[in-house]
Amino acid sequence: MAFIHTIPVEGATGPIGALYDAAIKRAGKVYKIVQLMSVQPSVLQASMSLYAATTTQPTSPLSRWFRELVAVTVSRINHCVY
């Protein structure tokens, strides 16, 4: 079984701690996909920025529920299980 080092939520400080705090505020927990990117804070920040820009920021002409529906639909088509 493969093992990928991640920074645990309990031990997160600095930029990773701030990103984890934001994830908890947004989703109630830190999902494993977020923890997977924790060893490279710049990658995690870029991923969170992309997610916010395409899903949660209110600047889109599409409603948030619709944007999230599109994201879920694409994930299902791609056989993603998360």
N, C-alpha and C. Protein backbone atom coordinates (compact mmCIF):
# COMPACT_ATOMS: atom_id res chain seq x y z
N MET A 1 0.84 -1.18 0.00
CA MET A 1 0.00 0.00 0.00
C MET A 1 0.89 1.24 0.00
N ALA A 2 0.55 2.20 -0.81
CA ALA A 2 1.33 3.43 -0.92
C ALA A 2 1.11 4.32 0.28
N PHE A 3 2.11 5.11 0.61
CA PHE A 3 2.01 6.06 1.71
C PHE A 3 2.51 7.41 1.22
N ILE A 4 1.72 8.42 1.43
CA ILE A 4 2.09 9.78 1.06
C ILE A 4 2.11 10.61 2.33
N HIS A 5 3.23 11.23 2.61
CA HIS A 5 3.35 12.08 3.79
C HIS A 5 2.44 13.29 3.65
N THR A 6 1.69 13.59 4.69
CA THR A 6 0.86 14.79 4.74
C THR A 6 1.06 15.47 6.09
N ILE A 7 0.64 16.71 6.18
CA ILE A 7 0.70 17.43 7.45
C ILE A 7 -0.65 17.25 8.14
N PRO A 8 -0.64 16.63 9.33
CA PRO A 8 -1.91 16.41 10.02
C PRO A 8 -2.54 17.72 10.48
N VAL A 9 -3.84 17.72 10.58
CA VAL A 9 -4.57 18.92 10.99
C VAL A 9 -4.08 19.39 12.36
N GLU A 10 -3.87 18.46 13.26
CA GLU A 10 -3.45 18.81 14.63
C GLU A 10 -2.09 19.49 14.68
N GLY A 11 -1.21 19.21 13.73
CA GLY A 11 0.14 19.77 13.75
C GLY A 11 0.37 20.90 12.77
N ALA A 12 -0.69 21.36 12.13
CA ALA A 12 -0.54 22.38 11.08
C ALA A 12 -0.34 23.77 11.67
N THR A 13 0.68 24.46 11.17
CA THR A 13 0.97 25.83 11.58
C THR A 13 1.27 26.66 10.34
N GLY A 14 1.42 27.95 10.53
CA GLY A 14 1.79 28.83 9.43
C GLY A 14 0.78 28.81 8.30
N PRO A 15 1.27 28.87 7.05
CA PRO A 15 0.35 28.91 5.89
C PRO A 15 -0.58 27.70 5.82
N ILE A 16 -0.05 26.51 6.12
CA ILE A 16 -0.89 25.31 6.07
C ILE A 16 -1.96 25.37 7.15
N GLY A 17 -1.59 25.83 8.33
CA GLY A 17 -2.58 25.98 9.41
C GLY A 17 -3.69 26.93 9.01
N ALA A 18 -3.33 28.03 8.35
CA ALA A 18 -4.34 29.00 7.91
C ALA A 18 -5.25 28.39 6.83
N LEU A 19 -4.67 27.63 5.92
CA LEU A 19 -5.47 26.99 4.87
C LEU A 19 -6.38 25.91 5.47
N TYR A 20 -5.89 25.17 6.43
CA TYR A 20 -6.72 24.18 7.11
C TYR A 20 -7.85 24.86 7.87
N ASP A 21 -7.54 25.96 8.56
CA ASP A 21 -8.59 26.69 9.29
C ASP A 21 -9.68 27.16 8.34
N ALA A 22 -9.28 27.65 7.17
CA ALA A 22 -10.25 28.09 6.17
C ALA A 22 -11.09 26.91 5.68
N ALA A 23 -10.46 25.75 5.50
CA ALA A 23 -11.19 24.56 5.06
C ALA A 23 -12.21 24.14 6.11
N ILE A 24 -11.82 24.19 7.37
CA ILE A 24 -12.74 23.82 8.45
C ILE A 24 -13.89 24.81 8.51
N LYS A 25 -13.59 26.07 8.35
CA LYS A 25 -14.65 27.09 8.36
C LYS A 25 -15.63 26.88 7.20
N ARG A 26 -15.09 26.50 6.04
CA ARG A 26 -15.91 26.33 4.84
C ARG A 26 -16.68 25.01 4.85
N ALA A 27 -16.01 23.91 5.24
CA ALA A 27 -16.60 22.58 5.06
C ALA A 27 -16.81 21.80 6.36
N GLY A 28 -16.34 22.35 7.48
CA GLY A 28 -16.50 21.65 8.74
C GLY A 28 -15.40 20.67 9.06
N LYS A 29 -14.53 20.41 8.10
CA LYS A 29 -13.39 19.52 8.31
C LYS A 29 -12.38 19.73 7.19
N VAL A 30 -11.23 19.09 7.33
CA VAL A 30 -10.20 19.13 6.29
C VAL A 30 -10.26 17.79 5.55
N TYR A 31 -10.69 17.85 4.32
CA TYR A 31 -10.79 16.62 3.52
C TYR A 31 -9.40 16.10 3.16
N LYS A 32 -9.33 14.80 2.91
CA LYS A 32 -8.04 14.15 2.59
C LYS A 32 -7.38 14.74 1.35
N ILE A 33 -8.16 15.15 0.36
CA ILE A 33 -7.58 15.74 -0.84
C ILE A 33 -6.83 17.03 -0.51
N VAL A 34 -7.32 17.76 0.48
CA VAL A 34 -6.64 18.98 0.94
C VAL A 34 -5.36 18.60 1.66
N GLN A 35 -5.44 17.61 2.54
CA GLN A 35 -4.25 17.16 3.27
C GLN A 35 -3.18 16.62 2.32
N LEU A 36 -3.61 16.00 1.23
CA LEU A 36 -2.66 15.46 0.26
C LEU A 36 -1.77 16.53 -0.34
N MET A 37 -2.30 17.74 -0.48
CA MET A 37 -1.52 18.84 -1.05
C MET A 37 -0.76 19.64 0.01
N SER A 38 -0.85 19.23 1.26
CA SER A 38 -0.29 20.02 2.36
C SER A 38 1.23 20.14 2.35
N VAL A 39 1.92 19.22 1.73
CA VAL A 39 3.38 19.30 1.72
C VAL A 39 3.90 20.38 0.78
N GLN A 40 3.03 20.89 -0.08
CA GLN A 40 3.39 22.00 -0.96
C GLN A 40 2.34 23.10 -0.81
N PRO A 41 2.57 24.02 0.15
CA PRO A 41 1.59 25.06 0.42
C PRO A 41 1.18 25.87 -0.82
N SER A 42 2.10 26.12 -1.74
CA SER A 42 1.75 26.90 -2.93
C SER A 42 0.75 26.14 -3.81
N VAL A 43 0.88 24.83 -3.88
CA VAL A 43 -0.06 24.01 -4.66
C VAL A 43 -1.42 24.00 -3.97
N LEU A 44 -1.43 23.85 -2.66
CA LEU A 44 -2.69 23.86 -1.92
C LEU A 44 -3.39 25.20 -2.06
N GLN A 45 -2.64 26.29 -1.95
CA GLN A 45 -3.23 27.62 -2.09
C GLN A 45 -3.81 27.82 -3.48
N ALA A 46 -3.08 27.39 -4.51
CA ALA A 46 -3.57 27.52 -5.88
C ALA A 46 -4.84 26.69 -6.08
N SER A 47 -4.86 25.50 -5.54
CA SER A 47 -6.04 24.65 -5.66
C SER A 47 -7.24 25.26 -4.96
N MET A 48 -7.04 25.79 -3.76
CA MET A 48 -8.14 26.42 -3.02
C MET A 48 -8.63 27.68 -3.74
N SER A 49 -7.72 28.42 -4.34
CA SER A 49 -8.10 29.62 -5.09
C SER A 49 -8.93 29.25 -6.32
N LEU A 50 -8.51 28.20 -7.03
CA LEU A 50 -9.26 27.74 -8.19
C LEU A 50 -10.65 27.26 -7.77
N TYR A 51 -10.71 26.49 -6.69
CA TYR A 51 -12.00 26.01 -6.18
C TYR A 51 -12.91 27.18 -5.85
N ALA A 52 -12.38 28.16 -5.14
CA ALA A 52 -13.19 29.32 -4.76
C ALA A 52 -13.66 30.09 -5.98
N ALA A 53 -12.78 30.29 -6.93
CA ALA A 53 -13.14 31.06 -8.12
C ALA A 53 -14.20 30.37 -8.96
N THR A 54 -14.19 29.05 -8.98
CA THR A 54 -15.14 28.33 -9.83
C THR A 54 -16.39 27.85 -9.11
N THR A 55 -16.36 27.84 -7.78
CA THR A 55 -17.49 27.25 -7.06
C THR A 55 -18.13 28.18 -6.04
N THR A 56 -17.35 28.83 -5.21
CA THR A 56 -17.95 29.50 -4.05
C THR A 56 -18.01 31.02 -4.12
N GLN A 57 -17.21 31.64 -4.95
CA GLN A 57 -17.22 33.10 -4.98
C GLN A 57 -18.49 33.62 -5.65
N PRO A 58 -19.08 34.67 -5.09
CA PRO A 58 -20.38 35.14 -5.59
C PRO A 58 -20.31 35.99 -6.85
N THR A 59 -19.17 36.03 -7.53
CA THR A 59 -19.03 36.89 -8.71
C THR A 59 -19.53 36.24 -10.00
N SER A 60 -19.91 34.98 -9.96
CA SER A 60 -20.38 34.29 -11.15
C SER A 60 -21.84 34.62 -11.43
N PRO A 61 -22.21 34.64 -12.71
CA PRO A 61 -23.63 34.83 -13.03
C PRO A 61 -24.47 33.59 -12.71
N LEU A 62 -23.80 32.46 -12.45
CA LEU A 62 -24.49 31.23 -12.08
C LEU A 62 -24.62 31.14 -10.57
N SER A 63 -25.70 30.57 -10.10
CA SER A 63 -25.88 30.43 -8.65
C SER A 63 -24.88 29.41 -8.09
N ARG A 64 -24.60 29.52 -6.80
CA ARG A 64 -23.63 28.61 -6.19
C ARG A 64 -24.11 27.17 -6.29
N TRP A 65 -25.39 26.92 -6.00
CA TRP A 65 -25.88 25.55 -6.04
C TRP A 65 -25.69 24.95 -7.42
N PHE A 66 -25.86 25.75 -8.47
CA PHE A 66 -25.70 25.24 -9.83
C PHE A 66 -24.24 24.94 -10.13
N ARG A 67 -23.34 25.82 -9.69
CA ARG A 67 -21.90 25.58 -9.91
C ARG A 67 -21.46 24.31 -9.19
N GLU A 68 -21.97 24.10 -7.98
CA GLU A 68 -21.61 22.88 -7.26
C GLU A 68 -22.23 21.65 -7.91
N LEU A 69 -23.43 21.79 -8.45
CA LEU A 69 -24.06 20.69 -9.18
C LEU A 69 -23.22 20.30 -10.39
N VAL A 70 -22.70 21.29 -11.11
CA VAL A 70 -21.82 21.01 -12.24
C VAL A 70 -20.57 20.27 -11.78
N ALA A 71 -19.98 20.70 -10.68
CA ALA A 71 -18.78 20.05 -10.15
C ALA A 71 -19.06 18.59 -9.78
N VAL A 72 -20.18 18.34 -9.13
CA VAL A 72 -20.54 16.97 -8.76
C VAL A 72 -20.80 16.12 -10.00
N THR A 73 -21.49 16.68 -10.97
CA THR A 73 -21.79 15.96 -12.20
C THR A 73 -20.52 15.58 -12.94
N VAL A 74 -19.59 16.51 -13.05
CA VAL A 74 -18.31 16.22 -13.71
C VAL A 74 -17.55 15.14 -12.94
N SER A 75 -17.56 15.22 -11.61
CA SER A 75 -16.90 14.19 -10.80
C SER A 75 -17.51 12.82 -11.04
N ARG A 76 -18.83 12.76 -11.11
CA ARG A 76 -19.50 11.47 -11.37
C ARG A 76 -19.13 10.93 -12.75
N ILE A 77 -19.13 11.80 -13.75
CA ILE A 77 -18.77 11.37 -15.11
C ILE A 77 -17.34 10.83 -15.14
N ASN A 78 -16.47 11.45 -14.34
CA ASN A 78 -15.07 11.03 -14.27
C ASN A 78 -14.83 9.90 -13.26
N HIS A 79 -15.93 9.36 -12.69
CA HIS A 79 -15.86 8.25 -11.73
C HIS A 79 -15.07 8.59 -10.48
N CYS A 80 -15.13 9.85 -10.05
CA CYS A 80 -14.49 10.25 -8.80
C CYS A 80 -15.39 9.82 -7.64
N VAL A 81 -14.80 9.33 -6.58
CA VAL A 81 -15.60 8.84 -5.45
C VAL A 81 -15.57 9.78 -4.26
N TYR A 82 -14.92 10.92 -4.36
CA TYR A 82 -14.86 11.84 -3.23
C TYR A 82 -15.99 12.83 -3.25
